[in-house]
PDB file of N, CA and C in Angstrom:
ATOM      1  N   UNK A   1      19.958  17.099  16.765  1.00  0.00           N
ATOM      2  CA  UNK A   1      19.444  17.610  15.831  1.00  0.00           C
ATOM      3  C   UNK A   1      18.845  15.983  15.603  1.00  0.00           C
ATOM      4  N   UNK A   2      17.366  15.530  15.902  1.00  0.00           N
ATOM      5  CA  UNK A   2      16.639  14.591  15.256  1.00  0.00           C
ATOM      6  C   UNK A   2      16.706  14.396  13.361  1.00  0.00           C
ATOM      7  N   UNK A   3      16.828  13.638  13.295  1.00  0.00           N
ATOM      8  CA  UNK A   3      17.194  13.293  11.542  1.00  0.00           C
ATOM      9  C   UNK A   3      15.539  12.757  11.384  1.00  0.00           C
ATOM     10  N   UNK A   4      15.116  13.818  10.186  1.00  0.00           N
ATOM     11  CA  UNK A   4      13.839  13.346   9.761  1.00  0.00           C
ATOM     12  C   UNK A   4      14.416  12.080   8.739  1.00  0.00           C
ATOM     13  N   UNK A   5      12.623  11.157   9.305  1.00  0.00           N
ATOM     14  CA  UNK A   5      12.581   9.980   8.431  1.00  0.00           C
ATOM     15  C   UNK A   5      11.775  10.184   6.959  1.00  0.00           C
ATOM     16  N   UNK A   6      12.527  10.888   5.741  1.00  0.00           N
ATOM     17  CA  UNK A   6      11.498  10.885   4.650  1.00  0.00           C
ATOM     18  C   UNK A   6      10.869   9.660   4.552  1.00  0.00           C
ATOM     19  N   UNK A   7       9.698   9.822   4.047  1.00  0.00           N
ATOM     20  CA  UNK A   7       8.895   8.419   3.172  1.00  0.00           C
ATOM     21  C   UNK A   7       9.246   8.281   2.004  1.00  0.00           C
ATOM     22  N   UNK A   8       9.404   7.049   1.545  1.00  0.00           N
ATOM     23  CA  UNK A   8      10.061   6.816  -0.194  1.00  0.00           C
ATOM     24  C   UNK A   8       8.463   7.089  -0.798  1.00  0.00           C
ATOM     25  N   UNK A   9       8.703   7.428  -2.107  1.00  0.00           N
ATOM     26  CA  UNK A   9       7.739   8.002  -2.628  1.00  0.00           C
ATOM     27  C   UNK A   9       6.637   7.441  -3.001  1.00  0.00           C
ATOM     28  N   UNK A  10       7.884   5.889  -3.753  1.00  0.00           N
ATOM     29  CA  UNK A  10       6.306   4.657  -3.686  1.00  0.00           C
ATOM     30  C   UNK A  10       5.553   4.064  -2.478  1.00  0.00           C
ATOM     31  N   UNK A  11       5.909   4.545  -1.451  1.00  0.00           N
ATOM     32  CA  UNK A  11       4.909   4.044  -0.184  1.00  0.00           C
ATOM     33  C   UNK A  11       4.401   5.635  -0.064  1.00  0.00           C
ATOM     34  N   UNK A  12       4.869   7.121  -0.561  1.00  0.00           N
ATOM     35  CA  UNK A  12       4.071   7.819  -0.169  1.00  0.00           C
ATOM     36  C   UNK A  12       2.842   7.799  -0.998  1.00  0.00           C
ATOM     37  N   UNK A  13       2.486   7.793  -1.713  1.00  0.00           N
ATOM     38  CA  UNK A  13       1.446   7.468  -3.255  1.00  0.00           C
ATOM     39  C   UNK A  13       0.545   7.099  -2.287  1.00  0.00           C
ATOM     40  N   UNK A  14       0.455   6.008  -1.854  1.00  0.00           N
ATOM     41  CA  UNK A  14      -0.502   4.578  -1.698  1.00  0.00           C
ATOM     42  C   UNK A  14      -1.047   5.857   0.043  1.00  0.00           C
ATOM     43  N   UNK A  15      -0.299   6.197   0.868  1.00  0.00           N
ATOM     44  CA  UNK A  15      -0.538   7.449   2.132  1.00  0.00           C
ATOM     45  C   UNK A  15      -1.661   7.996   1.444  1.00  0.00           C
ATOM     46  N   UNK A  16      -0.994   8.726   0.258  1.00  0.00           N
ATOM     47  CA  UNK A  16      -2.066   9.910  -0.280  1.00  0.00           C
ATOM     48  C   UNK A  16      -3.486   9.331  -0.700  1.00  0.00           C
ATOM     49  N   UNK A  17      -3.422   8.274  -1.360  1.00  0.00           N
ATOM     50  CA  UNK A  17      -4.573   7.541  -1.858  1.00  0.00           C
ATOM     51  C   UNK A  17      -5.301   6.918  -0.477  1.00  0.00           C
ATOM     52  N   UNK A  18      -4.476   6.661   0.556  1.00  0.00           N
ATOM     53  CA  UNK A  18      -5.537   6.090   1.669  1.00  0.00           C
ATOM     54  C   UNK A  18      -6.412   7.150   2.486  1.00  0.00           C
ATOM     55  N   UNK A  19      -5.595   8.307   2.534  1.00  0.00           N
ATOM     56  CA  UNK A  19      -6.111   9.390   2.763  1.00  0.00           C
ATOM     57  C   UNK A  19      -7.496  10.179   2.131  1.00  0.00           C
ATOM     58  N   UNK A  20      -6.813  10.186   0.853  1.00  0.00           N
ATOM     59  CA  UNK A  20      -8.074  10.732  -0.183  1.00  0.00           C
ATOM     60  C   UNK A  20      -9.158  10.201  -0.281  1.00  0.00           C
ATOM     61  N   UNK A  21      -9.078   8.542  -0.202  1.00  0.00           N
ATOM     62  CA  UNK A  21     -10.022   7.953  -0.652  1.00  0.00           C
ATOM     63  C   UNK A  21     -10.946   7.350   0.221  1.00  0.00           C
ATOM     64  N   UNK A  22     -10.315   7.281   1.666  1.00  0.00           N
ATOM     65  CA  UNK A  22     -10.888   7.149   2.643  1.00  0.00           C
ATOM     66  C   UNK A  22     -10.946   5.451   3.126  1.00  0.00           C
ATOM     67  N   UNK A  23      -9.856   5.207   2.631  1.00  0.00           N
ATOM     68  CA  UNK A  23      -9.985   3.559   2.254  1.00  0.00           C
ATOM     69  C   UNK A  23      -9.126   3.023   3.804  1.00  0.00           C
ATOM     70  N   UNK A  24      -8.685   1.610   4.490  1.00  0.00           N
ATOM     71  CA  UNK A  24      -8.309   1.124   5.641  1.00  0.00           C
ATOM     72  C   UNK A  24      -7.271   0.509   5.125  1.00  0.00           C
ATOM     73  N   UNK A  25      -6.658   0.044   5.901  1.00  0.00           N
ATOM     74  CA  UNK A  25      -4.688  -0.484   5.702  1.00  0.00           C
ATOM     75  C   UNK A  25      -5.147  -1.910   4.505  1.00  0.00           C
ATOM     76  N   UNK A  26      -6.646  -2.628   5.240  1.00  0.00           N
ATOM     77  CA  UNK A  26      -6.834  -4.229   4.468  1.00  0.00           C
ATOM     78  C   UNK A  26      -6.678  -3.624   2.907  1.00  0.00           C
ATOM     79  N   UNK A  27      -8.183  -2.329   3.152  1.00  0.00           N
ATOM     80  CA  UNK A  27      -7.706  -1.847   1.625  1.00  0.00           C
ATOM     81  C   UNK A  27      -6.662  -1.678   0.359  1.00  0.00           C
ATOM     82  N   UNK A  28      -5.969  -1.143   1.103  1.00  0.00           N
ATOM     83  CA  UNK A  28      -4.407  -0.329   1.013  1.00  0.00           C
ATOM     84  C   UNK A  28      -3.681  -1.711   0.328  1.00  0.00           C
ATOM     85  N   UNK A  29      -3.681  -2.320   1.270  1.00  0.00           N
ATOM     86  CA  UNK A  29      -3.055  -4.086   0.877  1.00  0.00           C
ATOM     87  C   UNK A  29      -3.216  -4.555   0.266  1.00  0.00           C
ATOM     88  N   UNK A  30      -4.517  -5.020  -0.377  1.00  0.00           N
ATOM     89  CA  UNK A  30      -4.999  -5.665  -0.811  1.00  0.00           C
ATOM     90  C   UNK A  30      -4.597  -4.702  -2.662  1.00  0.00           C
ATOM     91  N   UNK A  31      -4.750  -3.516  -2.609  1.00  0.00           N
ATOM     92  CA  UNK A  31      -4.678  -3.074  -3.752  1.00  0.00           C
ATOM     93  C   UNK A  31      -3.611  -2.930  -4.201  1.00  0.00           C
ATOM     94  N   UNK A  32      -2.202  -2.978  -3.154  1.00  0.00           N
ATOM     95  CA  UNK A  32      -1.074  -3.310  -3.410  1.00  0.00           C
ATOM     96  C   UNK A  32      -0.764  -4.853  -4.436  1.00  0.00           C
ATOM     97  N   UNK A  33      -1.678  -5.648  -3.107  1.00  0.00           N
ATOM     98  CA  UNK A  33      -1.338  -7.797  -3.354  1.00  0.00           C
ATOM     99  C   UNK A  33      -1.873  -7.300  -5.333  1.00  0.00           C
ATOM    100  N   UNK A  34      -2.913  -6.729  -5.600  1.00  0.00           N
ATOM    101  CA  UNK A  34      -3.837  -7.441  -6.477  1.00  0.00           C
ATOM    102  C   UNK A  34      -2.728  -6.067  -7.733  1.00  0.00           C
ATOM    103  N   UNK A  35      -1.874  -5.636  -7.659  1.00  0.00           N
ATOM    104  CA  UNK A  35      -0.920  -4.951  -8.358  1.00  0.00           C
ATOM    105  C   UNK A  35      -1.844  -3.845  -9.273  1.00  0.00           C
ATOM    106  N   UNK A  36      -2.923  -2.843  -8.529  1.00  0.00           N
ATOM    107  CA  UNK A  36      -3.422  -1.830  -9.153  1.00  0.00           C
ATOM    108  C   UNK A  36      -2.720  -0.566  -8.801  1.00  0.00           C
ATOM    109  N   UNK A  37      -2.704   0.205  -9.708  1.00  0.00           N
ATOM    110  CA  UNK A  37      -2.186   1.733 -10.049  1.00  0.00           C
ATOM    111  C   UNK A  37      -2.581   2.572  -9.273  1.00  0.00           C
ATOM    112  N   UNK A  38      -2.128   2.928  -7.982  1.00  0.00           N
ATOM    113  CA  UNK A  38      -3.344   4.057  -7.321  1.00  0.00           C
ATOM    114  C   UNK A  38      -3.129   5.759  -8.091  1.00  0.00           C
ATOM    115  N   UNK A  39      -2.417   5.836  -9.203  1.00  0.00           N
ATOM    116  CA  UNK A  39      -2.864   7.249 -10.206  1.00  0.00           C
ATOM    117  C   UNK A  39      -4.379   6.614 -10.580  1.00  0.00           C
ATOM    118  N   UNK A  40      -4.304   5.541 -11.297  1.00  0.00           N
ATOM    119  CA  UNK A  40      -6.283   5.252 -11.465  1.00  0.00           C
ATOM    120  C   UNK A  40      -7.368   5.578 -10.526  1.00  0.00           C
ATOM    121  N   UNK A  41      -6.721   5.117  -9.863  1.00  0.00           N
ATOM    122  CA  UNK A  41      -8.050   5.375  -8.352  1.00  0.00           C
ATOM    123  C   UNK A  41      -9.037   6.581  -9.419  1.00  0.00           C
ATOM    124  N   UNK A  42      -9.102   7.510  -9.250  1.00  0.00           N
ATOM    125  CA  UNK A  42      -9.918   8.303  -9.355  1.00  0.00           C
ATOM    126  C   UNK A  42     -10.745   7.902 -10.706  1.00  0.00           C
ATOM    127  N   UNK A  43     -10.608   7.473 -11.434  1.00  0.00           N
ATOM    128  CA  UNK A  43     -10.956   6.837 -12.690  1.00  0.00           C
ATOM    129  C   UNK A  43     -11.901   5.917 -11.903  1.00  0.00           C
ATOM    130  N   UNK A  44     -11.469   4.840 -11.281  1.00  0.00           N
ATOM    131  CA  UNK A  44     -12.267   3.993 -10.562  1.00  0.00           C
ATOM    132  C   UNK A  44     -13.340   4.159  -8.989  1.00  0.00           C
ATOM    133  N   UNK A  45     -13.207   5.470  -8.909  1.00  0.00           N
ATOM    134  CA  UNK A  45     -13.917   6.367  -7.901  1.00  0.00           C
ATOM    135  C   UNK A  45     -15.079   6.632  -8.472  1.00  0.00           C
ATOM    136  N   UNK A  46     -15.684   6.433  -9.293  1.00  0.00           N
ATOM    137  CA  UNK A  46     -16.822   7.515  -9.603  1.00  0.00           C
ATOM    138  C   UNK A  46     -17.758   7.492  -9.766  1.00  0.00           C
ATOM    139  N   UNK A  47     -18.178   6.665  -8.475  1.00  0.00           N
ATOM    140  CA  UNK A  47     -19.672   5.632  -8.489  1.00  0.00           C
ATOM    141  C   UNK A  47     -20.876   6.865  -8.685  1.00  0.00           C
ATOM    142  N   UNK A  48     -20.758   7.360  -8.155  1.00  0.00           N
ATOM    143  CA  UNK A  48     -21.888   8.729  -7.745  1.00  0.00           C
ATOM    144  C   UNK A  48     -22.233   9.183  -9.542  1.00  0.00           C
ATOM    145  N   UNK A  49     -21.391   9.627 -10.487  1.00  0.00           N
ATOM    146  CA  UNK A  49     -21.602   9.778 -11.507  1.00  0.00           C
ATOM    147  C   UNK A  49     -22.387   8.303 -12.651  1.00  0.00           C
ATOM    148  N   UNK A  50     -21.182   7.624 -12.224  1.00  0.00           N
ATOM    149  CA  UNK A  50     -21.843   5.805 -12.554  1.00  0.00           C
ATOM    150  C   UNK A  50     -22.164   5.190 -11.979  1.00  0.00           C
ATOM    151  N   UNK A  51     -23.791   5.353 -11.595  1.00  0.00           N
ATOM    152  CA  UNK A  51     -24.337   4.761 -10.755  1.00  0.00           C
ATOM    153  C   UNK A  51     -23.792   3.204 -10.659  1.00  0.00           C
ATOM    154  N   UNK A  52     -23.486   2.630 -12.184  1.00  0.00           N
ATOM    155  CA  UNK A  52     -23.342   0.986 -12.017  1.00  0.00           C
ATOM    156  C   UNK A  52     -22.227   0.692 -11.548  1.00  0.00           C
ATOM    157  N   UNK A  53     -21.068   1.698 -11.019  1.00  0.00           N
ATOM    158  CA  UNK A  53     -19.541   0.966 -10.585  1.00  0.00           C
ATOM    159  C   UNK A  53     -19.922   1.149  -8.862  1.00  0.00           C
ATOM    160  N   UNK A  54     -19.344   0.350  -8.485  1.00  0.00           N
ATOM    161  CA  UNK A  54     -19.159  -0.378  -6.888  1.00  0.00           C
ATOM    162  C   UNK A  54     -18.204   0.676  -6.700  1.00  0.00           C
ATOM    163  N   UNK A  55     -18.294   1.282  -5.098  1.00  0.00           N
ATOM    164  CA  UNK A  55     -17.542   2.318  -4.809  1.00  0.00           C
ATOM    165  C   UNK A  55     -16.140   1.546  -4.379  1.00  0.00           C
ATOM    166  N   UNK A  56     -14.960   2.597  -4.650  1.00  0.00           N
ATOM    167  CA  UNK A  56     -13.966   2.180  -4.451  1.00  0.00           C
ATOM    168  C   UNK A  56     -13.128   1.029  -3.545  1.00  0.00           C
ATOM    169  N   UNK A  57     -13.974   0.779  -2.166  1.00  0.00           N
ATOM    170  CA  UNK A  57     -13.429   0.038  -1.210  1.00  0.00           C
ATOM    171  C   UNK A  57     -13.987  -1.320  -1.631  1.00  0.00           C
ATOM    172  N   UNK A  58     -14.919  -1.822  -1.719  1.00  0.00           N
ATOM    173  CA  UNK A  58     -16.247  -2.365  -2.422  1.00  0.00           C
ATOM    174  C   UNK A  58     -15.479  -2.912  -3.745  1.00  0.00           C
ATOM    175  N   UNK A  59     -15.132  -2.443  -4.240  1.00  0.00           N
ATOM    176  CA  UNK A  59     -14.505  -3.102  -6.140  1.00  0.00           C
ATOM    177  C   UNK A  59     -13.412  -3.588  -5.651  1.00  0.00           C
ATOM    178  N   UNK A  60     -12.494  -2.826  -4.554  1.00  0.00           N
ATOM    179  CA  UNK A  60     -10.942  -3.441  -4.199  1.00  0.00           C
ATOM    180  C   UNK A  60     -11.377  -4.913  -4.011  1.00  0.00           C
ATOM    181  N   UNK A  61     -12.413  -5.048  -2.672  1.00  0.00           N
ATOM    182  CA  UNK A  61     -12.602  -6.536  -1.896  1.00  0.00           C
ATOM    183  C   UNK A  61     -12.810  -7.586  -2.643  1.00  0.00           C
ATOM    184  N   UNK A  62     -13.247  -7.154  -3.823  1.00  0.00           N
ATOM    185  CA  UNK A  62     -14.605  -7.914  -4.674  1.00  0.00           C
ATOM    186  C   UNK A  62     -13.149  -8.496  -5.523  1.00  0.00           C
ATOM    187  N   UNK A  63     -12.634  -7.775  -5.835  1.00  0.00           N
ATOM    188  CA  UNK A  63     -11.438  -8.071  -7.244  1.00  0.00           C
ATOM    189  C   UNK A  63     -10.276  -9.269  -6.133  1.00  0.00           C
ATOM    190  N   UNK A  64     -10.634  -8.486  -4.575  1.00  0.00           N
ATOM    191  CA  UNK A  64      -9.078  -9.990  -3.933  1.00  0.00           C
ATOM    192  C   UNK A  64      -9.717 -10.941  -3.709  1.00  0.00           C
ATOM    193  N   UNK A  65     -11.399 -11.041  -3.753  1.00  0.00           N
ATOM    194  CA  UNK A  65     -11.985 -12.044  -2.931  1.00  0.00           C
ATOM    195  C   UNK A  65     -12.198 -12.743  -4.258  1.00  0.00           C
ATOM    196  N   UNK A  66     -11.993 -12.560  -5.581  1.00  0.00           N
ATOM    197  CA  UNK A  66     -12.389 -13.340  -6.991  1.00  0.00           C
ATOM    198  C   UNK A  66     -11.113 -13.533  -7.307  1.00  0.00           C
ATOM    199  N   UNK A  67      -9.972 -13.252  -7.235  1.00  0.00           N
ATOM    200  CA  UNK A  67      -8.830 -13.270  -7.216  1.00  0.00           C
ATOM    201  C   UNK A  67      -8.030 -14.472  -6.489  1.00  0.00           C
ATOM    202  N   UNK A  68      -8.236 -14.245  -5.054  1.00  0.00           N
ATOM    203  CA  UNK A  68      -7.399 -14.967  -4.151  1.00  0.00           C
ATOM    204  C   UNK A  68      -8.227 -15.699  -3.575  1.00  0.00           C
ATOM    205  N   UNK A  69      -9.475 -15.874  -3.423  1.00  0.00           N
ATOM    206  CA  UNK A  69     -10.720 -16.603  -2.811  1.00  0.00           C
ATOM    207  C   UNK A  69     -10.481 -16.424  -1.750  1.00  0.00           C
ATOM    208  N   UNK A  70      -9.972 -15.532  -1.049  1.00  0.00           N
ATOM    209  CA  UNK A  70     -10.384 -15.118   0.572  1.00  0.00           C
ATOM    210  C   UNK A  70     -10.847 -13.247   0.858  1.00  0.00           C
ATOM    211  N   UNK A  71     -11.664 -13.375   1.869  1.00  0.00           N
ATOM    212  CA  UNK A  71     -12.098 -11.970   1.533  1.00  0.00           C
ATOM    213  C   UNK A  71     -11.064 -10.578   2.173  1.00  0.00           C
ATOM    214  N   UNK A  72      -9.887 -11.188   3.051  1.00  0.00           N
ATOM    215  CA  UNK A  72      -8.923 -10.255   3.689  1.00  0.00           C
ATOM    216  C   UNK A  72      -7.662 -10.915   3.228  1.00  0.00           C
ATOM    217  N   UNK A  73      -6.327 -10.122   3.626  1.00  0.00           N
ATOM    218  CA  UNK A  73      -4.890 -10.786   3.568  1.00  0.00           C
ATOM    219  C   UNK A  73      -4.766 -11.163   5.147  1.00  0.00           C
ATOM    220  N   UNK A  74      -4.457 -12.294   5.164  1.00  0.00           N
ATOM    221  CA  UNK A  74      -3.976 -13.411   6.808  1.00  0.00           C
ATOM    222  C   UNK A  74      -3.384 -12.474   7.884  1.00  0.00           C
ATOM    223  N   UNK A  75      -2.064 -11.503   7.087  1.00  0.00           N
ATOM    224  CA  UNK A  75      -1.653 -10.601   8.218  1.00  0.00           C
ATOM    225  C   UNK A  75      -1.783  -8.960   7.563  1.00  0.00           C
ATOM    226  N   UNK A  76      -2.228  -8.230   8.253  1.00  0.00           N
ATOM    227  CA  UNK A  76      -2.667  -6.658   7.676  1.00  0.00           C
ATOM    228  C   UNK A  76      -1.751  -6.046   8.394  1.00  0.00           C
ATOM    229  N   UNK A  77      -1.012  -5.526   7.434  1.00  0.00           N
ATOM    230  CA  UNK A  77       0.733  -4.315   7.625  1.00  0.00           C
ATOM    231  C   UNK A  77       0.430  -3.182   7.158  1.00  0.00           C
ATOM    232  N   UNK A  78       0.105  -1.938   7.770  1.00  0.00           N
ATOM    233  CA  UNK A  78       0.330  -0.747   7.524  1.00  0.00           C
ATOM    234  C   UNK A  78       1.195  -0.317   6.349  1.00  0.00           C
ATOM    235  N   UNK A  79       0.966   0.923   6.156  1.00  0.00           N
ATOM    236  CA  UNK A  79       2.373   1.442   4.932  1.00  0.00           C
ATOM    237  C   UNK A  79       3.166   1.688   6.262  1.00  0.00           C
ATOM    238  N   UNK A  80       3.226   2.257   7.397  1.00  0.00           N
ATOM    239  CA  UNK A  80       3.651   2.854   7.820  1.00  0.00           C
ATOM    240  C   UNK A  80       4.906   1.992   8.293  1.00  0.00           C
ATOM    241  N   UNK A  81       4.093   0.898   8.904  1.00  0.00           N
ATOM    242  CA  UNK A  81       5.280  -0.568   9.179  1.00  0.00           C
ATOM    243  C   UNK A  81       5.899  -1.170   8.306  1.00  0.00           C
ATOM    244  N   UNK A  82       5.279  -1.148   7.069  1.00  0.00           N
ATOM    245  CA  UNK A  82       6.227  -1.829   6.229  1.00  0.00           C
ATOM    246  C   UNK A  82       7.177  -1.101   5.107  1.00  0.00           C
ATOM    247  N   UNK A  83       6.939   0.215   5.831  1.00  0.00           N
ATOM    248  CA  UNK A  83       8.480   1.535   5.946  1.00  0.00           C
ATOM    249  C   UNK A  83       9.189   0.828   6.615  1.00  0.00           C
ATOM    250  N   UNK A  84       8.792   1.074   7.976  1.00  0.00           N
ATOM    251  CA  UNK A  84       9.710   0.543   9.300  1.00  0.00           C
ATOM    252  C   UNK A  84      10.183  -1.246   8.800  1.00  0.00           C
ATOM    253  N   UNK A  85       9.554  -2.243   8.043  1.00  0.00           N
ATOM    254  CA  UNK A  85      10.184  -3.318   7.961  1.00  0.00           C
ATOM    255  C   UNK A  85      11.007  -3.157   6.892  1.00  0.00           C
ATOM    256  N   UNK A  86      10.970  -2.293   5.791  1.00  0.00           N
ATOM    257  CA  UNK A  86      12.147  -2.105   4.703  1.00  0.00           C
ATOM    258  C   UNK A  86      13.299  -1.778   5.140  1.00  0.00           C
ATOM    259  N   UNK A  87      13.236  -1.006   6.417  1.00  0.00           N
ATOM    260  CA  UNK A  87      14.276   0.219   6.600  1.00  0.00           C
ATOM    261  C   UNK A  87      15.226  -0.737   7.681  1.00  0.00           C
ATOM    262  N   UNK A  88      14.420  -1.699   8.523  1.00  0.00           N
ATOM    263  CA  UNK A  88      15.215  -2.850   9.639  1.00  0.00           C
ATOM    264  C   UNK A  88      15.758  -3.621   8.569  1.00  0.00           C
ATOM    265  N   UNK A  89      15.442  -4.042   7.168  1.00  0.00           N
ATOM    266  CA  UNK A  89      16.123  -5.000   6.413  1.00  0.00           C
ATOM    267  C   UNK A  89      17.313  -4.184   6.155  1.00  0.00           C
ATOM    268  N   UNK A  90      16.705  -2.923   5.247  1.00  0.00           N
ATOM    269  CA  UNK A  90      17.881  -2.141   4.803  1.00  0.00           C
ATOM    270  C   UNK A  90      19.316  -2.492   5.934  1.00  0.00           C
ATOM    271  N   UNK A  91      19.028  -1.698   7.092  1.00  0.00           N
ATOM    272  CA  UNK A  91      19.993  -1.655   8.133  1.00  0.00           C
ATOM    273  C   UNK A  91      20.499  -2.885   8.645  1.00  0.00           C
ATOM    274  N   UNK A  92      19.982  -4.168   8.605  1.00  0.00           N
ATOM    275  CA  UNK A  92      19.969  -5.338   8.884  1.00  0.00           C
ATOM    276  C   UNK A  92      21.081  -5.609   7.519  1.00  0.00           C
ATOM    277  N   UNK A  93      21.260  -5.351   6.415  1.00  0.00           N
ATOM    278  CA  UNK A  93      21.758  -5.979   5.560  1.00  0.00           C
ATOM    279  C   UNK A  93      23.405  -5.035   5.418  1.00  0.00           C
ATOM    280  N   UNK A  94      22.952  -3.819   5.883  1.00  0.00           N
ATOM    281  CA  UNK A  94      24.419  -2.713   5.967  1.00  0.00           C
ATOM    282  C   UNK A  94      25.303  -3.759   6.896  1.00  0.00           C
ATOM    283  N   UNK A  95      24.785  -4.042   7.912  1.00  0.00           N
ATOM    284  CA  UNK A  95      25.900  -4.593   9.474  1.00  0.00           C
ATOM    285  C   UNK A  95      26.251  -6.357   8.441  1.00  0.00           C
ATOM    286  N   UNK A  96      25.330  -6.637   7.689  1.00  0.00           N
ATOM    287  CA  UNK A  96      25.973  -7.884   7.373  1.00  0.00           C
ATOM    288  C   UNK A  96      27.214  -7.805   6.522  1.00  0.00           C
ATOM    289  N   UNK A  97      27.483  -7.085   5.635  1.00  0.00           N
ATOM    290  CA  UNK A  97      28.107  -6.904   4.496  1.00  0.00           C
ATOM    291  C   UNK A  97      29.605  -6.483   4.819  1.00  0.00           C
ATOM    292  N   UNK A  98      30.757  -6.917   4.357  1.00  0.00           N
ATOM    293  CA  UNK A  98      32.249  -6.468   4.984  1.00  0.00           C
ATOM    294  C   UNK A  98      32.022  -5.773   4.798  1.00  0.00           C
ATOM    295  N   UNK A  99      33.282  -4.654   5.715  1.00  0.00           N
ATOM    296  CA  UNK A  99      33.442  -3.495   5.336  1.00  0.00           C
ATOM    297  C   UNK A  99      34.476  -3.135   3.861  1.00  0.00           C
ATOM    298  N   UNK A 100      34.411  -2.529   3.077  1.00  0.00           N
ATOM    299  CA  UNK A 100      34.965  -2.026   1.778  1.00  0.00           C
ATOM    300  C   UNK A 100      36.683  -1.663   2.199  1.00  0.00           C
ATOM    301  N   UNK A 101      37.309  -1.912   1.031  1.00  0.00           N
ATOM    302  CA  UNK A 101      38.720  -1.903   1.799  1.00  0.00           C
ATOM    303  C   UNK A 101      39.275  -0.459   0.888  1.00  0.00           C
ATOM    304  N   UNK A 102      38.522  -0.292  -0.155  1.00  0.00           N
ATOM    305  CA  UNK A 102      39.091   0.819  -0.733  1.00  0.00           C
ATOM    306  C   UNK A 102      38.143   1.247  -1.363  1.00  0.00           C
TER     307      UNK A 102
END
């Protein structure tokens, strides 16, 4: 029987936000690097009610450019690929540890 891969909660919330607000992988990576809280995106994404606000994707890109002086990350990694990297590192670390004696 195939083992289902469960997505950790800290990554699942970013996947849900990406779908809900129609953000790209690059914009999600920028928001994560900026340390933004995905639970607060609802207050940031109400540019239709408050016309002086930028739409969420442009807001993230502008904040990223102001902070890092570049328009996008050097290497864009999707959340799904990031999960694979983290799992691969965990498996690698398990293989390197000596067996427990008791």
